[in-house]
Amino acid sequence: MLEALGLRERKNVDLIACPSCGRAEVDVIDIAQRAQAAFADKKLPLQIAVMGCVVNGPGEAREADLGIAAGNKRGHLFVKGRNVAVVPESEMVESLVEWATFIHEHGTDAALKRVDTTIAEREAAKDRSAALAEHGDDANHDHEKIVEIRRKVSEK
């Protein structure tokens, strides 16, 4: 809030991570911790998101300067919500550091112009479809839980 009001300047990475759900294909906490450690001394005033799935991740973190979402054993990098690259899962943190450094030096517009996003967007769409086919829209079985809660409440 202080940043939004212009009362405080970001000095280093503001790392955000999803709470994880039934669709998460990686250990989000581990990736986030490794990313936090990798950025510890970088002094890059960016907001960076680590998301567990490619279904909702890029949309939920679209305001972040840079983010990565897991899908099909790959990391889908996105800049301001736009898919820009696909990397092997093992290279997710290193890719975040590389892209963050580029964005810090050249800006998000230059990062978006750096690549043809068509391929990354197509690959993200394929992995989103695969995740939805495997886990469905309700990966956490929320509908079933709501029905169960309502049943218990009505029994009282």
C-alpha atoms as a PDB file:
ATOM      1  CA  MET A   1       0.000   0.000   0.000  1.00  0.00           C
ATOM      2  CA  LEU A   2       2.819   2.380   0.852  1.00  0.00           C
ATOM      3  CA  GLU A   3       4.358   1.760  -2.575  1.00  0.00           C
ATOM      4  CA  ALA A   4       1.063   2.477  -4.306  1.00  0.00           C
ATOM      5  CA  LEU A   5       0.832   5.796  -2.465  1.00  0.00           C
ATOM      6  CA  GLY A   6       4.403   6.671  -3.371  1.00  0.00           C
ATOM      7  CA  LEU A   7       5.455   6.633   0.285  1.00  0.00           C
ATOM      8  CA  ARG A   8       7.908   3.764  -0.005  1.00  0.00           C
ATOM      9  CA  GLU A   9      10.159   2.612  -2.792  1.00  0.00           C
ATOM     10  CA  ARG A  10      10.692  -1.079  -3.431  1.00  0.00           C
ATOM     11  CA  LYS A  11      14.364  -1.882  -2.905  1.00  0.00           C
ATOM     12  CA  ASN A  12      14.440  -5.570  -3.771  1.00  0.00           C
ATOM     13  CA  VAL A  13      12.294  -8.326  -5.206  1.00  0.00           C
ATOM     14  CA  ASP A  14       8.762  -8.633  -3.851  1.00  0.00           C
ATOM     15  CA  LEU A  15       8.159 -12.347  -4.293  1.00  0.00           C
ATOM     16  CA  ILE A  16       4.588 -13.607  -4.269  1.00  0.00           C
ATOM     17  CA  ALA A  17       3.523 -17.242  -4.501  1.00  0.00           C
ATOM     18  CA  CYS A  18       0.214 -19.013  -4.844  1.00  0.00           C
ATOM     19  CA  PRO A  19      -1.114 -20.967  -1.858  1.00  0.00           C
ATOM     20  CA  SER A  20      -1.169 -24.072  -4.072  1.00  0.00           C
ATOM     21  CA  CYS A  21      -4.139 -26.190  -5.052  1.00  0.00           C
ATOM     22  CA  GLY A  22      -4.916 -29.624  -6.400  1.00  0.00           C
ATOM     23  CA  ARG A  23      -3.532 -28.626  -9.802  1.00  0.00           C
ATOM     24  CA  ALA A  24      -0.078 -27.584  -8.547  1.00  0.00           C
ATOM     25  CA  GLU A  25       2.496 -29.624 -10.411  1.00  0.00           C
ATOM     26  CA  VAL A  26       5.547 -28.492  -8.430  1.00  0.00           C
ATOM     27  CA  ASP A  27       6.453 -27.847  -4.832  1.00  0.00           C
ATOM     28  CA  VAL A  28       5.559 -24.144  -4.905  1.00  0.00           C
ATOM     29  CA  ILE A  29       7.114 -23.474  -1.504  1.00  0.00           C
ATOM     30  CA  ASP A  30      10.438 -25.001  -2.567  1.00  0.00           C
ATOM     31  CA  ILE A  31      10.524 -23.045  -5.843  1.00  0.00           C
ATOM     32  CA  ALA A  32       9.592 -19.819  -4.027  1.00  0.00           C
ATOM     33  CA  GLN A  33      12.282 -20.360  -1.383  1.00  0.00           C
ATOM     34  CA  ARG A  34      14.923 -21.075  -4.009  1.00  0.00           C
ATOM     35  CA  ALA A  35      13.846 -17.992  -5.962  1.00  0.00           C
ATOM     36  CA  GLN A  36      13.946 -15.853  -2.810  1.00  0.00           C
ATOM     37  CA  ALA A  37      17.484 -17.076  -2.109  1.00  0.00           C
ATOM     38  CA  ALA A  38      18.557 -16.458  -5.714  1.00  0.00           C
ATOM     39  CA  PHE A  39      17.281 -12.868  -5.564  1.00  0.00           C
ATOM     40  CA  ALA A  40      18.521 -12.100  -2.039  1.00  0.00           C
ATOM     41  CA  ASP A  41      21.492  -9.985  -3.099  1.00  0.00           C
ATOM     42  CA  LYS A  42      20.288  -8.834  -6.521  1.00  0.00           C
ATOM     43  CA  LYS A  43      18.567  -5.584  -5.453  1.00  0.00           C
ATOM     44  CA  LEU A  44      16.033  -5.761  -8.273  1.00  0.00           C
ATOM     45  CA  PRO A  45      12.941  -3.688  -7.412  1.00  0.00           C
ATOM     46  CA  LEU A  46      10.467  -6.005  -9.164  1.00  0.00           C
ATOM     47  CA  GLN A  47       7.407  -7.992  -8.203  1.00  0.00           C
ATOM     48  CA  ILE A  48       7.902 -11.643  -9.131  1.00  0.00           C
ATOM     49  CA  ALA A  49       5.296 -14.412  -8.887  1.00  0.00           C
ATOM     50  CA  VAL A  50       5.800 -18.153  -8.461  1.00  0.00           C
ATOM     51  CA  MET A  51       2.611 -20.003  -9.331  1.00  0.00           C
ATOM     52  CA  GLY A  52       1.889 -23.718  -9.046  1.00  0.00           C
ATOM     53  CA  CYS A  53      -0.131 -24.224 -12.203  1.00  0.00           C
ATOM     54  CA  VAL A  54      -0.451 -22.775 -15.660  1.00  0.00           C
ATOM     55  CA  VAL A  55      -4.274 -22.817 -15.476  1.00  0.00           C
ATOM     56  CA  ASN A  56      -4.778 -19.798 -13.216  1.00  0.00           C
ATOM     57  CA  GLY A  57      -1.230 -18.676 -12.427  1.00  0.00           C
ATOM     58  CA  PRO A  58      -0.560 -16.144 -15.178  1.00  0.00           C
ATOM     59  CA  GLY A  59      -3.991 -14.544 -14.785  1.00  0.00           C
ATOM     60  CA  GLU A  60      -3.868 -14.362 -10.998  1.00  0.00           C
ATOM     61  CA  ALA A  61      -0.398 -12.813 -11.081  1.00  0.00           C
ATOM     62  CA  ARG A  62      -0.832 -10.668 -14.194  1.00  0.00           C
ATOM     63  CA  GLU A  63       0.116  -7.490 -12.338  1.00  0.00           C
ATOM     64  CA  ALA A  64       3.514  -8.929 -11.390  1.00  0.00           C
ATOM     65  CA  ASP A  65       6.430  -7.711 -13.471  1.00  0.00           C
ATOM     66  CA  LEU A  66       7.504 -11.300 -14.030  1.00  0.00           C
ATOM     67  CA  GLY A  67       6.261 -14.712 -13.049  1.00  0.00           C
ATOM     68  CA  ILE A  68       6.491 -18.396 -13.675  1.00  0.00           C
ATOM     69  CA  ALA A  69       3.793 -21.056 -13.581  1.00  0.00           C
ATOM     70  CA  ALA A  70       4.336 -24.808 -13.649  1.00  0.00           C
ATOM     71  CA  GLY A  71       2.719 -27.072 -16.183  1.00  0.00           C
ATOM     72  CA  ASN A  72       3.572 -30.435 -17.694  1.00  0.00           C
ATOM     73  CA  LYS A  73       7.067 -30.515 -16.131  1.00  0.00           C
ATOM     74  CA  ARG A  74       7.838 -27.101 -17.601  1.00  0.00           C
ATOM     75  CA  GLY A  75       7.934 -23.548 -16.376  1.00  0.00           C
ATOM     76  CA  HIS A  76       5.858 -21.005 -18.254  1.00  0.00           C
ATOM     77  CA  LEU A  77       7.427 -17.569 -17.869  1.00  0.00           C
ATOM     78  CA  PHE A  78       5.148 -14.581 -18.129  1.00  0.00           C
ATOM     79  CA  VAL A  79       5.698 -10.828 -18.161  1.00  0.00           C
ATOM     80  CA  LYS A  80       2.713  -8.728 -17.070  1.00  0.00           C
ATOM     81  CA  GLY A  81       0.474 -11.766 -17.633  1.00  0.00           C
ATOM     82  CA  ARG A  82       1.766 -12.531 -21.154  1.00  0.00           C
ATOM     83  CA  ASN A  83       3.486 -15.870 -21.745  1.00  0.00           C
ATOM     84  CA  VAL A  84       6.973 -15.231 -23.093  1.00  0.00           C
ATOM     85  CA  ALA A  85       8.936 -18.464 -22.734  1.00  0.00           C
ATOM     86  CA  VAL A  86       8.761 -22.113 -21.758  1.00  0.00           C
ATOM     87  CA  VAL A  87      11.670 -23.669 -19.864  1.00  0.00           C
ATOM     88  CA  PRO A  88      12.342 -27.088 -18.335  1.00  0.00           C
ATOM     89  CA  GLU A  89      11.141 -27.368 -14.733  1.00  0.00           C
ATOM     90  CA  SER A  90      14.763 -27.703 -13.585  1.00  0.00           C
ATOM     91  CA  GLU A  91      15.566 -24.241 -15.015  1.00  0.00           C
ATOM     92  CA  MET A  92      12.653 -22.298 -13.529  1.00  0.00           C
ATOM     93  CA  VAL A  93      14.581 -20.325 -10.902  1.00  0.00           C
ATOM     94  CA  GLU A  94      17.555 -19.593 -13.163  1.00  0.00           C
ATOM     95  CA  SER A  95      15.200 -18.352 -15.883  1.00  0.00           C
ATOM     96  CA  LEU A  96      13.437 -16.072 -13.410  1.00  0.00           C
ATOM     97  CA  VAL A  97      16.771 -14.515 -12.462  1.00  0.00           C
ATOM     98  CA  GLU A  98      17.793 -14.063 -16.108  1.00  0.00           C
ATOM     99  CA  TRP A  99      14.489 -12.446 -17.105  1.00  0.00           C
ATOM    100  CA  ALA A 100      14.334 -10.296 -13.969  1.00  0.00           C
ATOM    101  CA  THR A 101      17.802  -8.939 -14.682  1.00  0.00           C
ATOM    102  CA  PHE A 102      16.767  -8.141 -18.256  1.00  0.00           C
ATOM    103  CA  ILE A 103      13.562  -6.423 -17.104  1.00  0.00           C
ATOM    104  CA  HIS A 104      15.457  -4.403 -14.507  1.00  0.00           C
ATOM    105  CA  GLU A 105      17.918  -3.190 -17.151  1.00  0.00           C
ATOM    106  CA  HIS A 106      15.535  -2.733 -20.101  1.00  0.00           C
ATOM    107  CA  GLY A 107      11.930  -2.694 -18.821  1.00  0.00           C
ATOM    108  CA  THR A 108       8.894  -4.921 -19.305  1.00  0.00           C
ATOM    109  CA  ASP A 109       8.079  -3.526 -22.760  1.00  0.00           C
ATOM    110  CA  ALA A 110      11.524  -4.537 -24.007  1.00  0.00           C
ATOM    111  CA  ALA A 111      11.082  -7.963 -22.411  1.00  0.00           C
ATOM    112  CA  LEU A 112       7.808  -8.460 -24.267  1.00  0.00           C
ATOM    113  CA  LYS A 113       9.421  -7.364 -27.547  1.00  0.00           C
ATOM    114  CA  ARG A 114      12.420  -9.641 -26.911  1.00  0.00           C
ATOM    115  CA  VAL A 115      10.566 -12.752 -28.075  1.00  0.00           C
ATOM    116  CA  ASP A 116       7.734 -13.911 -30.279  1.00  0.00           C
ATOM    117  CA  THR A 117       5.129 -14.763 -27.634  1.00  0.00           C
ATOM    118  CA  THR A 118       3.092 -16.910 -30.030  1.00  0.00           C
ATOM    119  CA  ILE A 119       4.996 -20.124 -29.291  1.00  0.00           C
ATOM    120  CA  ALA A 120       4.963 -19.651 -25.504  1.00  0.00           C
ATOM    121  CA  GLU A 121       1.255 -18.795 -25.528  1.00  0.00           C
ATOM    122  CA  ARG A 122       0.454 -21.851 -27.649  1.00  0.00           C
ATOM    123  CA  GLU A 123       2.463 -24.136 -25.329  1.00  0.00           C
ATOM    124  CA  ALA A 124       0.795 -22.634 -22.241  1.00  0.00           C
ATOM    125  CA  ALA A 125      -2.629 -23.211 -23.814  1.00  0.00           C
ATOM    126  CA  LYS A 126      -1.753 -26.880 -24.435  1.00  0.00           C
ATOM    127  CA  ASP A 127      -0.568 -27.357 -20.855  1.00  0.00           C
ATOM    128  CA  ARG A 128      -3.656 -25.550 -19.474  1.00  0.00           C
ATOM    129  CA  SER A 129      -5.899 -27.863 -21.485  1.00  0.00           C
ATOM    130  CA  ALA A 130      -4.003 -30.935 -20.270  1.00  0.00           C
ATOM    131  CA  ALA A 131      -4.241 -29.800 -16.625  1.00  0.00           C
ATOM    132  CA  LEU A 132      -7.963 -29.119 -16.939  1.00  0.00           C
ATOM    133  CA  ALA A 133      -8.500 -32.500 -18.608  1.00  0.00           C
ATOM    134  CA  GLU A 134      -6.615 -34.238 -15.799  1.00  0.00           C
ATOM    135  CA  HIS A 135      -7.913 -32.290 -12.795  1.00  0.00           C
ATOM    136  CA  GLY A 136     -11.068 -30.581 -14.066  1.00  0.00           C
ATOM    137  CA  ASP A 137     -12.299 -27.103 -13.173  1.00  0.00           C
ATOM    138  CA  ASP A 138     -12.641 -27.993  -9.494  1.00  0.00           C
ATOM    139  CA  ALA A 139      -9.218 -29.386  -8.595  1.00  0.00           C
ATOM    140  CA  ASN A 140      -9.826 -28.908  -4.877  1.00  0.00           C
ATOM    141  CA  HIS A 141     -13.279 -30.505  -5.004  1.00  0.00           C
ATOM    142  CA  ASP A 142     -14.805 -27.298  -3.633  1.00  0.00           C
ATOM    143  CA  HIS A 143     -18.277 -28.140  -4.916  1.00  0.00           C
ATOM    144  CA  GLU A 144     -18.286 -31.448  -3.027  1.00  0.00           C
ATOM    145  CA  LYS A 145     -17.093 -29.710   0.142  1.00  0.00           C
ATOM    146  CA  ILE A 146     -19.805 -27.056  -0.111  1.00  0.00           C
ATOM    147  CA  VAL A 147     -22.492 -29.720  -0.572  1.00  0.00           C
ATOM    148  CA  GLU A 148     -21.169 -31.598   2.486  1.00  0.00           C
ATOM    149  CA  ILE A 149     -21.118 -28.424   4.616  1.00  0.00           C
ATOM    150  CA  ARG A 150     -24.681 -27.565   3.598  1.00  0.00           C
ATOM    151  CA  ARG A 151     -25.802 -31.115   4.409  1.00  0.00           C
ATOM    152  CA  LYS A 152     -24.247 -30.923   7.887  1.00  0.00           C
ATOM    153  CA  VAL A 153     -25.760 -27.498   8.544  1.00  0.00           C
ATOM    154  CA  SER A 154     -29.226 -28.658   7.488  1.00  0.00           C
ATOM    155  CA  GLU A 155     -28.998 -31.668   9.838  1.00  0.00           C
ATOM    156  CA  LYS A 156     -28.576 -29.421  12.874  1.00  0.00           C
END
